[in-house]
Structures are given as C-alpha cells and as structure tokens.
C-alpha cells in the first residue's frame, strides 16, 4: 500500500487517469450493477435478498478489518484510531437503518472508500480528500437524478451522498492507519487549498442558480425552474413504501449539507492527528 501510494504521489498524471477510470468504470455504473444483482434474486423475497447481500458485505468487512486492526494496535495513536473506527461503525449503522432501503447500497461504502484512497495522493490531505469525495458522490447522484433516471425518484438522493461520504471516511481511516503524511495541517491551509476553493465555488454557483430561479429547492407555485431538488415534499420524518413494509427517512438538502459538514469536520481532523512516517523509497 505504501509503495502504491508513493508511486501515485510521484506520478500525478497517472493518478488522475486512474481516478477518472475508476470513477467512470466502477462508480458511475453502480446503479446498473445494483439492478443486475437484483435481477439475479428475482422471485426471491426482499428479506432473502437483503440477507445474502448483508452476509457478503460482512465477509468483506471482516477481511478488511483484520489487517486494519493489526496495524491499528501498533499505531502510536491507536486510542484515537479506535475512536474514529467506533464512531464510523456507529454512524454507518445509524444511517444504514435510517436512510437505506436495500442492503446492496452497502456497495457505496466500498466504492467511495477506494475512491478516497486513490484520490488522497492527488489531494494531499484528509479534509480536502473527503470534500473531494463528497463532491464526486454528489455528482454521481446528480447524474442519476437529472439524467439517468429522472422519473425514478421524487428527490435528489442525499441519502446516498451521505453514505458516499461515510465510505470516503472509511478509506481515509484505512490510510491513516498507515501513518501517511498529510500536506495540510492548519485550518487556513485547508480552506485556501484549490480543492476547497473549487467546492466553495460550486456551492456559490448553486446559490446563484437558486437565486436566478434555474434551480429550486422545493416546487414553488408560479415558478417553473429547470431543475428541482425535491419534486414532492415528504410529510413527517419517516416515509413508508411497498405497502408499509419499508420505512426510511428522506434527507432534505439543508439537512444533508449539515450532516456532511459534520462528517468533514470530524474525519477531516485526521489532518491534525496523522502520525507522520517516512514512506519507503522504491
């Protein structure tokens, strides 16, 4: 892992090519993969489908956790590492039970964990990498909502954006356990990085689009925007579908943004807590 990190760090062009290829070939088609997997279980009950997927996900998690825990035990800041790990497990469990409908959505954790690992050598810091991962997760969901299947749902899926961000945090914690050096160690260096400024610029563009009426938060009588983030306003905290068999929470834009900010702050703190080691030269 350390040699791969060093190679990507020394070859930024190949790092960009690898990241783009991974995003286009692995991340963007995940809805197609989900539909294909669901087709394999056609005729089976949802409980059976969810059970098999959960068993597979648990097997992968154990395979990943064993070497991770062995590194964490030897880490100079293992107490903090276990705090990060337990908080991530708690948040994933909470969001999984509150906003996820089918267990195949766990694929987001794997996809964006790997994405964050590949993006880190290019980004150089935990906070900016997590911001970058959230941005591309948001673009992925926008691609699905506005272009791929605009009639499939009544709202922009911030539930998945949150899960994408949690996946990115998992990937960064994996890197943190290797004691990899971070470029950004102060709040000013993080805020003034080109990655953060790019994200702030995109937020500003979205604000302008909303102000000009091209993008709307909710449907508004008398206004016909090009894009609407929430086509049908949910009533109450929980939404029920499939004749009452599935209950979940629809995350609205402001709520989702606040949740993501908390994740950026909490897991971006790995910039300040990374124990620096020298990466071996090839």
C-alpha atoms as a PDB file:
ATOM      1  CA  UNK A   1       0.000   0.000   0.000  1.00  0.00           C
ATOM      2  CA  UNK A   2       2.777   2.447   0.916  1.00  0.00           C
ATOM      3  CA  UNK A   3       4.652   1.804  -2.329  1.00  0.00           C
ATOM      4  CA  UNK A   4       1.455   2.228  -4.353  1.00  0.00           C
ATOM      5  CA  UNK A   5       0.770   5.494  -2.536  1.00  0.00           C
ATOM      6  CA  UNK A   6       4.295   6.721  -3.214  1.00  0.00           C
ATOM      7  CA  UNK A   7       4.070   5.779  -6.901  1.00  0.00           C
ATOM      8  CA  UNK A   8       0.753   7.622  -7.335  1.00  0.00           C
ATOM      9  CA  UNK A   9       2.198  10.609  -5.479  1.00  0.00           C
ATOM     10  CA  UNK A  10       5.180  10.716  -7.817  1.00  0.00           C
ATOM     11  CA  UNK A  11       3.051  10.275 -10.969  1.00  0.00           C
ATOM     12  CA  UNK A  12       0.112  12.722 -10.647  1.00  0.00           C
ATOM     13  CA  UNK A  13      -0.932  12.329 -14.296  1.00  0.00           C
ATOM     14  CA  UNK A  14      -1.316   8.576 -13.859  1.00  0.00           C
ATOM     15  CA  UNK A  15      -3.063   9.248 -10.551  1.00  0.00           C
ATOM     16  CA  UNK A  16      -5.624  11.421 -12.375  1.00  0.00           C
ATOM     17  CA  UNK A  17      -6.068   8.837 -15.153  1.00  0.00           C
ATOM     18  CA  UNK A  18      -6.526   6.034 -12.604  1.00  0.00           C
ATOM     19  CA  UNK A  19      -9.020   8.064 -10.580  1.00  0.00           C
ATOM     20  CA  UNK A  20     -11.092   9.055 -13.629  1.00  0.00           C
ATOM     21  CA  UNK A  21     -11.081   5.491 -14.975  1.00  0.00           C
ATOM     22  CA  UNK A  22     -12.154   4.119 -11.608  1.00  0.00           C
ATOM     23  CA  UNK A  23     -14.926   6.703 -11.277  1.00  0.00           C
ATOM     24  CA  UNK A  24     -16.272   6.117 -14.795  1.00  0.00           C
ATOM     25  CA  UNK A  25     -15.934   2.330 -14.866  1.00  0.00           C
ATOM     26  CA  UNK A  26     -16.680   1.382 -11.255  1.00  0.00           C
ATOM     27  CA  UNK A  27     -18.560   4.194  -9.512  1.00  0.00           C
ATOM     28  CA  UNK A  28     -20.936   5.620 -12.134  1.00  0.00           C
ATOM     29  CA  UNK A  29     -22.337   2.221 -13.265  1.00  0.00           C
ATOM     30  CA  UNK A  30     -23.228   1.176  -9.688  1.00  0.00           C
ATOM     31  CA  UNK A  31     -26.957   1.577 -10.327  1.00  0.00           C
ATOM     32  CA  UNK A  32     -26.682  -0.787 -13.306  1.00  0.00           C
ATOM     33  CA  UNK A  33     -24.782  -3.229 -11.098  1.00  0.00           C
ATOM     34  CA  UNK A  34     -27.474  -2.966  -8.427  1.00  0.00           C
ATOM     35  CA  UNK A  35     -30.245  -3.643 -10.945  1.00  0.00           C
ATOM     36  CA  UNK A  36     -28.304  -6.597 -12.367  1.00  0.00           C
ATOM     37  CA  UNK A  37     -27.772  -8.098  -8.916  1.00  0.00           C
ATOM     38  CA  UNK A  38     -31.443  -7.556  -8.076  1.00  0.00           C
ATOM     39  CA  UNK A  39     -32.323  -9.461 -11.271  1.00  0.00           C
ATOM     40  CA  UNK A  40     -30.308 -12.433 -10.021  1.00  0.00           C
ATOM     41  CA  UNK A  41     -32.575 -12.565  -6.964  1.00  0.00           C
ATOM     42  CA  UNK A  42     -35.778 -12.145  -8.972  1.00  0.00           C
ATOM     43  CA  UNK A  43     -38.514 -14.276  -7.434  1.00  0.00           C
ATOM     44  CA  UNK A  44     -36.815 -14.293  -4.032  1.00  0.00           C
ATOM     45  CA  UNK A  45     -38.138 -12.314  -1.093  1.00  0.00           C
ATOM     46  CA  UNK A  46     -36.617  -8.947  -0.177  1.00  0.00           C
ATOM     47  CA  UNK A  47     -35.596 -10.421   3.191  1.00  0.00           C
ATOM     48  CA  UNK A  48     -33.657 -13.215   1.451  1.00  0.00           C
ATOM     49  CA  UNK A  49     -32.017 -10.715  -0.936  1.00  0.00           C
ATOM     50  CA  UNK A  50     -31.003  -8.396   1.911  1.00  0.00           C
ATOM     51  CA  UNK A  51     -29.736 -11.319   3.992  1.00  0.00           C
ATOM     52  CA  UNK A  52     -27.435 -12.651   1.269  1.00  0.00           C
ATOM     53  CA  UNK A  53     -26.041  -9.183   0.499  1.00  0.00           C
ATOM     54  CA  UNK A  54     -25.501  -8.469   4.211  1.00  0.00           C
ATOM     55  CA  UNK A  55     -23.646 -11.784   4.615  1.00  0.00           C
ATOM     56  CA  UNK A  56     -21.362 -10.949   1.671  1.00  0.00           C
ATOM     57  CA  UNK A  57     -20.764  -7.424   2.973  1.00  0.00           C
ATOM     58  CA  UNK A  58     -19.939  -8.779   6.436  1.00  0.00           C
ATOM     59  CA  UNK A  59     -17.406 -11.197   4.943  1.00  0.00           C
ATOM     60  CA  UNK A  60     -15.693  -8.363   3.061  1.00  0.00           C
ATOM     61  CA  UNK A  61     -15.737  -6.177   6.191  1.00  0.00           C
ATOM     62  CA  UNK A  62     -14.043  -8.887   8.275  1.00  0.00           C
ATOM     63  CA  UNK A  63     -11.403  -9.443   5.580  1.00  0.00           C
ATOM     64  CA  UNK A  64     -10.643  -5.707   5.584  1.00  0.00           C
ATOM     65  CA  UNK A  65     -10.845  -5.200   9.366  1.00  0.00           C
ATOM     66  CA  UNK A  66      -8.381  -7.933  10.352  1.00  0.00           C
ATOM     67  CA  UNK A  67      -5.242  -6.373   8.748  1.00  0.00           C
ATOM     68  CA  UNK A  68      -6.535  -2.905   9.639  1.00  0.00           C
ATOM     69  CA  UNK A  69      -6.863  -3.796  13.338  1.00  0.00           C
ATOM     70  CA  UNK A  70      -3.399  -5.357  13.343  1.00  0.00           C
ATOM     71  CA  UNK A  71      -1.970  -2.042  12.096  1.00  0.00           C
ATOM     72  CA  UNK A  72      -4.112  -0.033  14.473  1.00  0.00           C
ATOM     73  CA  UNK A  73      -2.923  -1.970  17.518  1.00  0.00           C
ATOM     74  CA  UNK A  74       0.666  -0.955  16.657  1.00  0.00           C
ATOM     75  CA  UNK A  75      -0.252   2.648  15.810  1.00  0.00           C
ATOM     76  CA  UNK A  76       1.232   5.353  18.101  1.00  0.00           C
ATOM     77  CA  UNK A  77      -2.244   6.893  18.362  1.00  0.00           C
ATOM     78  CA  UNK A  78      -4.258   3.700  18.466  1.00  0.00           C
ATOM     79  CA  UNK A  79      -6.703   5.070  21.061  1.00  0.00           C
ATOM     80  CA  UNK A  80      -7.722   7.831  18.662  1.00  0.00           C
ATOM     81  CA  UNK A  81      -7.798   5.346  15.794  1.00  0.00           C
ATOM     82  CA  UNK A  82     -10.240   3.119  17.656  1.00  0.00           C
ATOM     83  CA  UNK A  83     -12.371   6.206  18.421  1.00  0.00           C
ATOM     84  CA  UNK A  84     -12.511   7.003  14.704  1.00  0.00           C
ATOM     85  CA  UNK A  85     -13.343   3.384  13.908  1.00  0.00           C
ATOM     86  CA  UNK A  86     -16.108   3.004  16.510  1.00  0.00           C
ATOM     87  CA  UNK A  87     -17.692   6.328  15.523  1.00  0.00           C
ATOM     88  CA  UNK A  88     -17.682   5.287  11.860  1.00  0.00           C
ATOM     89  CA  UNK A  89     -19.261   1.924  12.681  1.00  0.00           C
ATOM     90  CA  UNK A  90     -21.904   3.708  14.755  1.00  0.00           C
ATOM     91  CA  UNK A  91     -22.687   6.293  12.057  1.00  0.00           C
ATOM     92  CA  UNK A  92     -22.819   3.687   9.286  1.00  0.00           C
ATOM     93  CA  UNK A  93     -25.147   1.538  11.406  1.00  0.00           C
ATOM     94  CA  UNK A  94     -27.344   4.540  12.212  1.00  0.00           C
ATOM     95  CA  UNK A  95     -27.613   5.783   8.634  1.00  0.00           C
ATOM     96  CA  UNK A  96     -27.957   2.245   7.299  1.00  0.00           C
ATOM     97  CA  UNK A  97     -31.016   1.671   9.458  1.00  0.00           C
ATOM     98  CA  UNK A  98     -32.490   5.151   8.921  1.00  0.00           C
ATOM     99  CA  UNK A  99     -31.995   6.038   5.249  1.00  0.00           C
ATOM    100  CA  UNK A 100     -31.086   2.859   3.329  1.00  0.00           C
ATOM    101  CA  UNK A 101     -33.781   0.724   1.661  1.00  0.00           C
ATOM    102  CA  UNK A 102     -31.866  -2.314   0.383  1.00  0.00           C
ATOM    103  CA  UNK A 103     -28.586  -3.766   1.628  1.00  0.00           C
ATOM    104  CA  UNK A 104     -26.961  -3.554  -1.809  1.00  0.00           C
ATOM    105  CA  UNK A 105     -26.469   0.149  -1.008  1.00  0.00           C
ATOM    106  CA  UNK A 106     -23.524  -1.003   1.131  1.00  0.00           C
ATOM    107  CA  UNK A 107     -21.601  -1.019  -2.153  1.00  0.00           C
ATOM    108  CA  UNK A 108     -21.295   2.760  -1.719  1.00  0.00           C
ATOM    109  CA  UNK A 109     -19.007   2.236   1.289  1.00  0.00           C
ATOM    110  CA  UNK A 110     -16.630   0.071  -0.754  1.00  0.00           C
ATOM    111  CA  UNK A 111     -16.741   2.213  -3.897  1.00  0.00           C
ATOM    112  CA  UNK A 112     -16.089   5.532  -2.204  1.00  0.00           C
ATOM    113  CA  UNK A 113     -13.624   4.073   0.287  1.00  0.00           C
ATOM    114  CA  UNK A 114     -11.438   3.006  -2.645  1.00  0.00           C
ATOM    115  CA  UNK A 115     -12.134   6.327  -4.401  1.00  0.00           C
ATOM    116  CA  UNK A 116     -10.828   8.274  -1.381  1.00  0.00           C
ATOM    117  CA  UNK A 117      -7.711   6.085  -1.194  1.00  0.00           C
ATOM    118  CA  UNK A 118      -6.962   6.748  -4.877  1.00  0.00           C
ATOM    119  CA  UNK A 119      -7.725  10.468  -4.538  1.00  0.00           C
ATOM    120  CA  UNK A 120      -5.571  11.088  -1.458  1.00  0.00           C
ATOM    121  CA  UNK A 121      -2.148  11.127  -3.195  1.00  0.00           C
ATOM    122  CA  UNK A 122      -3.502  13.819  -5.522  1.00  0.00           C
ATOM    123  CA  UNK A 123      -5.253  15.814  -2.789  1.00  0.00           C
ATOM    124  CA  UNK A 124      -2.580  15.566  -0.115  1.00  0.00           C
ATOM    125  CA  UNK A 125      -4.845  15.896   2.931  1.00  0.00           C
ATOM    126  CA  UNK A 126      -7.688  14.132   4.698  1.00  0.00           C
ATOM    127  CA  UNK A 127     -10.146  17.064   4.801  1.00  0.00           C
ATOM    128  CA  UNK A 128      -9.748  18.056   1.161  1.00  0.00           C
ATOM    129  CA  UNK A 129      -9.929  14.410   0.071  1.00  0.00           C
ATOM    130  CA  UNK A 130     -13.173  13.924   1.992  1.00  0.00           C
ATOM    131  CA  UNK A 131     -14.570  17.130   0.453  1.00  0.00           C
ATOM    132  CA  UNK A 132     -13.488  15.912  -2.981  1.00  0.00           C
ATOM    133  CA  UNK A 133     -15.086  12.502  -2.386  1.00  0.00           C
ATOM    134  CA  UNK A 134     -18.361  14.118  -1.305  1.00  0.00           C
ATOM    135  CA  UNK A 135     -18.301  16.331  -4.405  1.00  0.00           C
ATOM    136  CA  UNK A 136     -17.906  13.404  -6.771  1.00  0.00           C
ATOM    137  CA  UNK A 137     -20.503  11.449  -4.795  1.00  0.00           C
ATOM    138  CA  UNK A 138     -22.900  14.373  -5.250  1.00  0.00           C
ATOM    139  CA  UNK A 139     -22.111  14.476  -8.992  1.00  0.00           C
ATOM    140  CA  UNK A 140     -22.814  10.754  -9.222  1.00  0.00           C
ATOM    141  CA  UNK A 141     -26.244  11.209  -7.643  1.00  0.00           C
ATOM    142  CA  UNK A 142     -26.950  14.272  -9.831  1.00  0.00           C
ATOM    143  CA  UNK A 143     -26.149  12.195 -12.917  1.00  0.00           C
ATOM    144  CA  UNK A 144     -28.700   9.602 -11.799  1.00  0.00           C
ATOM    145  CA  UNK A 145     -31.356  12.074 -10.669  1.00  0.00           C
ATOM    146  CA  UNK A 146     -31.263  14.573 -13.525  1.00  0.00           C
ATOM    147  CA  UNK A 147     -30.153  12.407 -16.455  1.00  0.00           C
ATOM    148  CA  UNK A 148     -30.054   8.646 -15.970  1.00  0.00           C
ATOM    149  CA  UNK A 149     -33.460   8.081 -14.368  1.00  0.00           C
ATOM    150  CA  UNK A 150     -35.192  11.410 -13.657  1.00  0.00           C
ATOM    151  CA  UNK A 151     -38.583   9.756 -13.128  1.00  0.00           C
ATOM    152  CA  UNK A 152     -37.359   7.104 -10.704  1.00  0.00           C
ATOM    153  CA  UNK A 153     -37.490   9.230  -7.558  1.00  0.00           C
ATOM    154  CA  UNK A 154     -39.116  12.400  -6.269  1.00  0.00           C
ATOM    155  CA  UNK A 155     -35.992  13.803  -4.637  1.00  0.00           C
ATOM    156  CA  UNK A 156     -32.267  14.232  -5.176  1.00  0.00           C
ATOM    157  CA  UNK A 157     -30.771  11.319  -3.238  1.00  0.00           C
ATOM    158  CA  UNK A 158     -28.797  12.952  -0.447  1.00  0.00           C
ATOM    159  CA  UNK A 159     -29.185   9.692   1.457  1.00  0.00           C
ATOM    160  CA  UNK A 160     -26.635   8.195  -0.934  1.00  0.00           C
ATOM    161  CA  UNK A 161     -24.404  11.289  -0.791  1.00  0.00           C
ATOM    162  CA  UNK A 162     -24.143  10.831   2.975  1.00  0.00           C
ATOM    163  CA  UNK A 163     -23.344   7.152   2.557  1.00  0.00           C
ATOM    164  CA  UNK A 164     -20.747   8.046  -0.103  1.00  0.00           C
ATOM    165  CA  UNK A 165     -19.089  10.446   2.343  1.00  0.00           C
ATOM    166  CA  UNK A 166     -19.030   7.795   5.071  1.00  0.00           C
ATOM    167  CA  UNK A 167     -17.390   5.430   2.583  1.00  0.00           C
ATOM    168  CA  UNK A 168     -14.764   8.071   1.867  1.00  0.00           C
ATOM    169  CA  UNK A 169     -14.113   8.445   5.608  1.00  0.00           C
ATOM    170  CA  UNK A 170     -13.583   4.659   5.843  1.00  0.00           C
ATOM    171  CA  UNK A 171     -10.986   4.787   3.075  1.00  0.00           C
ATOM    172  CA  UNK A 172      -9.190   7.693   4.740  1.00  0.00           C
ATOM    173  CA  UNK A 173      -9.102   5.913   8.100  1.00  0.00           C
ATOM    174  CA  UNK A 174      -7.535   2.949   6.293  1.00  0.00           C
ATOM    175  CA  UNK A 175      -4.790   5.318   5.034  1.00  0.00           C
ATOM    176  CA  UNK A 176      -4.470   6.985   8.442  1.00  0.00           C
ATOM    177  CA  UNK A 177      -3.568   3.612   9.942  1.00  0.00           C
ATOM    178  CA  UNK A 178      -0.503   3.566   7.654  1.00  0.00           C
ATOM    179  CA  UNK A 179       0.698   6.842   9.244  1.00  0.00           C
ATOM    180  CA  UNK A 180       0.846   8.627   5.879  1.00  0.00           C
ATOM    181  CA  UNK A 181       1.955  12.265   5.908  1.00  0.00           C
ATOM    182  CA  UNK A 182      -0.618  14.985   5.277  1.00  0.00           C
ATOM    183  CA  UNK A 183       0.092  18.220   3.397  1.00  0.00           C
ATOM    184  CA  UNK A 184      -2.496  20.381   5.178  1.00  0.00           C
ATOM    185  CA  UNK A 185      -2.003  20.891   8.908  1.00  0.00           C
ATOM    186  CA  UNK A 186      -3.811  24.173   9.571  1.00  0.00           C
ATOM    187  CA  UNK A 187      -7.371  25.356   9.000  1.00  0.00           C
ATOM    188  CA  UNK A 188      -6.091  28.154   6.741  1.00  0.00           C
ATOM    189  CA  UNK A 189      -4.169  25.729   4.511  1.00  0.00           C
ATOM    190  CA  UNK A 190      -7.271  23.555   4.184  1.00  0.00           C
ATOM    191  CA  UNK A 191      -9.638  26.449   3.436  1.00  0.00           C
ATOM    192  CA  UNK A 192      -7.240  28.049   0.928  1.00  0.00           C
ATOM    193  CA  UNK A 193      -6.449  24.804  -0.908  1.00  0.00           C
ATOM    194  CA  UNK A 194      -7.576  24.656  -4.527  1.00  0.00           C
ATOM    195  CA  UNK A 195      -9.795  21.684  -3.701  1.00  0.00           C
ATOM    196  CA  UNK A 196     -11.706  23.574  -1.010  1.00  0.00           C
ATOM    197  CA  UNK A 197     -11.924  26.732  -3.133  1.00  0.00           C
ATOM    198  CA  UNK A 198     -13.344  24.643  -6.006  1.00  0.00           C
ATOM    199  CA  UNK A 199     -16.057  23.224  -3.761  1.00  0.00           C
ATOM    200  CA  UNK A 200     -16.855  26.662  -2.325  1.00  0.00           C
ATOM    201  CA  UNK A 201     -17.091  27.947  -5.904  1.00  0.00           C
ATOM    202  CA  UNK A 202     -19.557  25.185  -6.828  1.00  0.00           C
ATOM    203  CA  UNK A 203     -21.665  25.990  -3.762  1.00  0.00           C
ATOM    204  CA  UNK A 204     -21.650  29.650  -4.849  1.00  0.00           C
ATOM    205  CA  UNK A 205     -22.761  28.635  -8.368  1.00  0.00           C
ATOM    206  CA  UNK A 206     -25.608  26.562  -6.910  1.00  0.00           C
ATOM    207  CA  UNK A 207     -26.640  29.534  -4.755  1.00  0.00           C
ATOM    208  CA  UNK A 208     -26.667  31.802  -7.824  1.00  0.00           C
ATOM    209  CA  UNK A 209     -28.724  29.247  -9.812  1.00  0.00           C
ATOM    210  CA  UNK A 210     -31.257  29.113  -6.987  1.00  0.00           C
ATOM    211  CA  UNK A 211     -31.348  32.913  -6.810  1.00  0.00           C
ATOM    212  CA  UNK A 212     -31.932  33.187 -10.560  1.00  0.00           C
ATOM    213  CA  UNK A 213     -34.698  30.584 -10.463  1.00  0.00           C
ATOM    214  CA  UNK A 214     -32.937  27.931 -12.549  1.00  0.00           C
ATOM    215  CA  UNK A 215     -32.652  25.570  -9.587  1.00  0.00           C
ATOM    216  CA  UNK A 216     -35.298  25.195  -6.898  1.00  0.00           C
ATOM    217  CA  UNK A 217     -35.199  23.567  -3.501  1.00  0.00           C
ATOM    218  CA  UNK A 218     -38.916  22.696  -3.466  1.00  0.00           C
ATOM    219  CA  UNK A 219     -41.590  23.054  -6.149  1.00  0.00           C
ATOM    220  CA  UNK A 220     -42.994  26.572  -5.903  1.00  0.00           C
ATOM    221  CA  UNK A 221     -46.300  27.705  -7.339  1.00  0.00           C
ATOM    222  CA  UNK A 222     -45.851  30.123 -10.234  1.00  0.00           C
ATOM    223  CA  UNK A 223     -42.185  29.226 -10.769  1.00  0.00           C
ATOM    224  CA  UNK A 224     -41.020  26.687 -13.329  1.00  0.00           C
ATOM    225  CA  UNK A 225     -37.286  26.034 -12.704  1.00  0.00           C
ATOM    226  CA  UNK A 226     -35.127  23.882 -14.941  1.00  0.00           C
ATOM    227  CA  UNK A 227     -34.200  21.632 -12.012  1.00  0.00           C
ATOM    228  CA  UNK A 228     -35.854  20.882  -8.674  1.00  0.00           C
ATOM    229  CA  UNK A 229     -34.004  19.081  -5.889  1.00  0.00           C
ATOM    230  CA  UNK A 230     -37.202  17.896  -4.215  1.00  0.00           C
ATOM    231  CA  UNK A 231     -40.140  17.308  -6.563  1.00  0.00           C
ATOM    232  CA  UNK A 232     -42.505  16.047  -3.871  1.00  0.00           C
ATOM    233  CA  UNK A 233     -42.147  17.330  -0.313  1.00  0.00           C
ATOM    234  CA  UNK A 234     -42.177  14.425   2.205  1.00  0.00           C
ATOM    235  CA  UNK A 235     -44.527  14.802   5.154  1.00  0.00           C
ATOM    236  CA  UNK A 236     -43.171  13.757   8.518  1.00  0.00           C
ATOM    237  CA  UNK A 237     -39.784  12.314   9.397  1.00  0.00           C
ATOM    238  CA  UNK A 238     -40.393   8.811   8.015  1.00  0.00           C
ATOM    239  CA  UNK A 239     -41.505   7.766   4.552  1.00  0.00           C
ATOM    240  CA  UNK A 240     -43.211   4.413   4.030  1.00  0.00           C
ATOM    241  CA  UNK A 241     -43.271   2.461   0.760  1.00  0.00           C
ATOM    242  CA  UNK A 242     -44.071  -1.046  -0.503  1.00  0.00           C
ATOM    243  CA  UNK A 243     -47.423  -1.251   1.287  1.00  0.00           C
ATOM    244  CA  UNK A 244     -45.903  -0.281   4.592  1.00  0.00           C
ATOM    245  CA  UNK A 245     -43.122  -2.882   4.602  1.00  0.00           C
ATOM    246  CA  UNK A 246     -40.262  -0.359   4.270  1.00  0.00           C
ATOM    247  CA  UNK A 247     -39.800   2.781   6.321  1.00  0.00           C
ATOM    248  CA  UNK A 248     -36.914   5.216   5.851  1.00  0.00           C
ATOM    249  CA  UNK A 249     -36.030   8.887   6.201  1.00  0.00           C
ATOM    250  CA  UNK A 250     -35.691  11.200   3.193  1.00  0.00           C
ATOM    251  CA  UNK A 251     -32.732  13.543   3.754  1.00  0.00           C
ATOM    252  CA  UNK A 252     -33.532  17.045   2.529  1.00  0.00           C
ATOM    253  CA  UNK A 253     -30.844  19.359   1.057  1.00  0.00           C
ATOM    254  CA  UNK A 254     -30.123  21.624   4.050  1.00  0.00           C
ATOM    255  CA  UNK A 255     -30.253  18.694   6.432  1.00  0.00           C
ATOM    256  CA  UNK A 256     -27.915  16.636   4.247  1.00  0.00           C
ATOM    257  CA  UNK A 257     -25.456  19.532   3.894  1.00  0.00           C
ATOM    258  CA  UNK A 258     -25.314  19.944   7.685  1.00  0.00           C
ATOM    259  CA  UNK A 259     -24.693  16.220   8.137  1.00  0.00           C
ATOM    260  CA  UNK A 260     -21.891  16.259   5.552  1.00  0.00           C
ATOM    261  CA  UNK A 261     -20.281  19.300   7.205  1.00  0.00           C
ATOM    262  CA  UNK A 262     -20.178  17.384  10.486  1.00  0.00           C
ATOM    263  CA  UNK A 263     -18.502  14.451   8.730  1.00  0.00           C
ATOM    264  CA  UNK A 264     -15.981  16.775   7.045  1.00  0.00           C
ATOM    265  CA  UNK A 265     -15.067  18.363  10.384  1.00  0.00           C
ATOM    266  CA  UNK A 266     -14.890  15.124  12.404  1.00  0.00           C
ATOM    267  CA  UNK A 267     -12.945  12.992   9.929  1.00  0.00           C
ATOM    268  CA  UNK A 268     -11.067  15.897   8.423  1.00  0.00           C
ATOM    269  CA  UNK A 269      -9.458  16.154  11.871  1.00  0.00           C
ATOM    270  CA  UNK A 270      -7.237  13.272  10.767  1.00  0.00           C
ATOM    271  CA  UNK A 271      -5.107  16.010   9.181  1.00  0.00           C
ATOM    272  CA  UNK A 272      -4.161  17.161  12.676  1.00  0.00           C
ATOM    273  CA  UNK A 273      -3.818  13.695  14.191  1.00  0.00           C
ATOM    274  CA  UNK A 274      -1.864  11.876  11.463  1.00  0.00           C
ATOM    275  CA  UNK A 275       1.337  10.389  12.858  1.00  0.00           C
ATOM    276  CA  UNK A 276       3.950  11.107  10.201  1.00  0.00           C
ATOM    277  CA  UNK A 277       6.236   8.361   8.986  1.00  0.00           C
ATOM    278  CA  UNK A 278       8.654   8.234   6.094  1.00  0.00           C
ATOM    279  CA  UNK A 279       7.317   6.392   3.072  1.00  0.00           C
ATOM    280  CA  UNK A 280       9.955   3.919   1.842  1.00  0.00           C
ATOM    281  CA  UNK A 281      11.505   4.780  -1.485  1.00  0.00           C
ATOM    282  CA  UNK A 282      11.226   2.291  -4.343  1.00  0.00           C
END
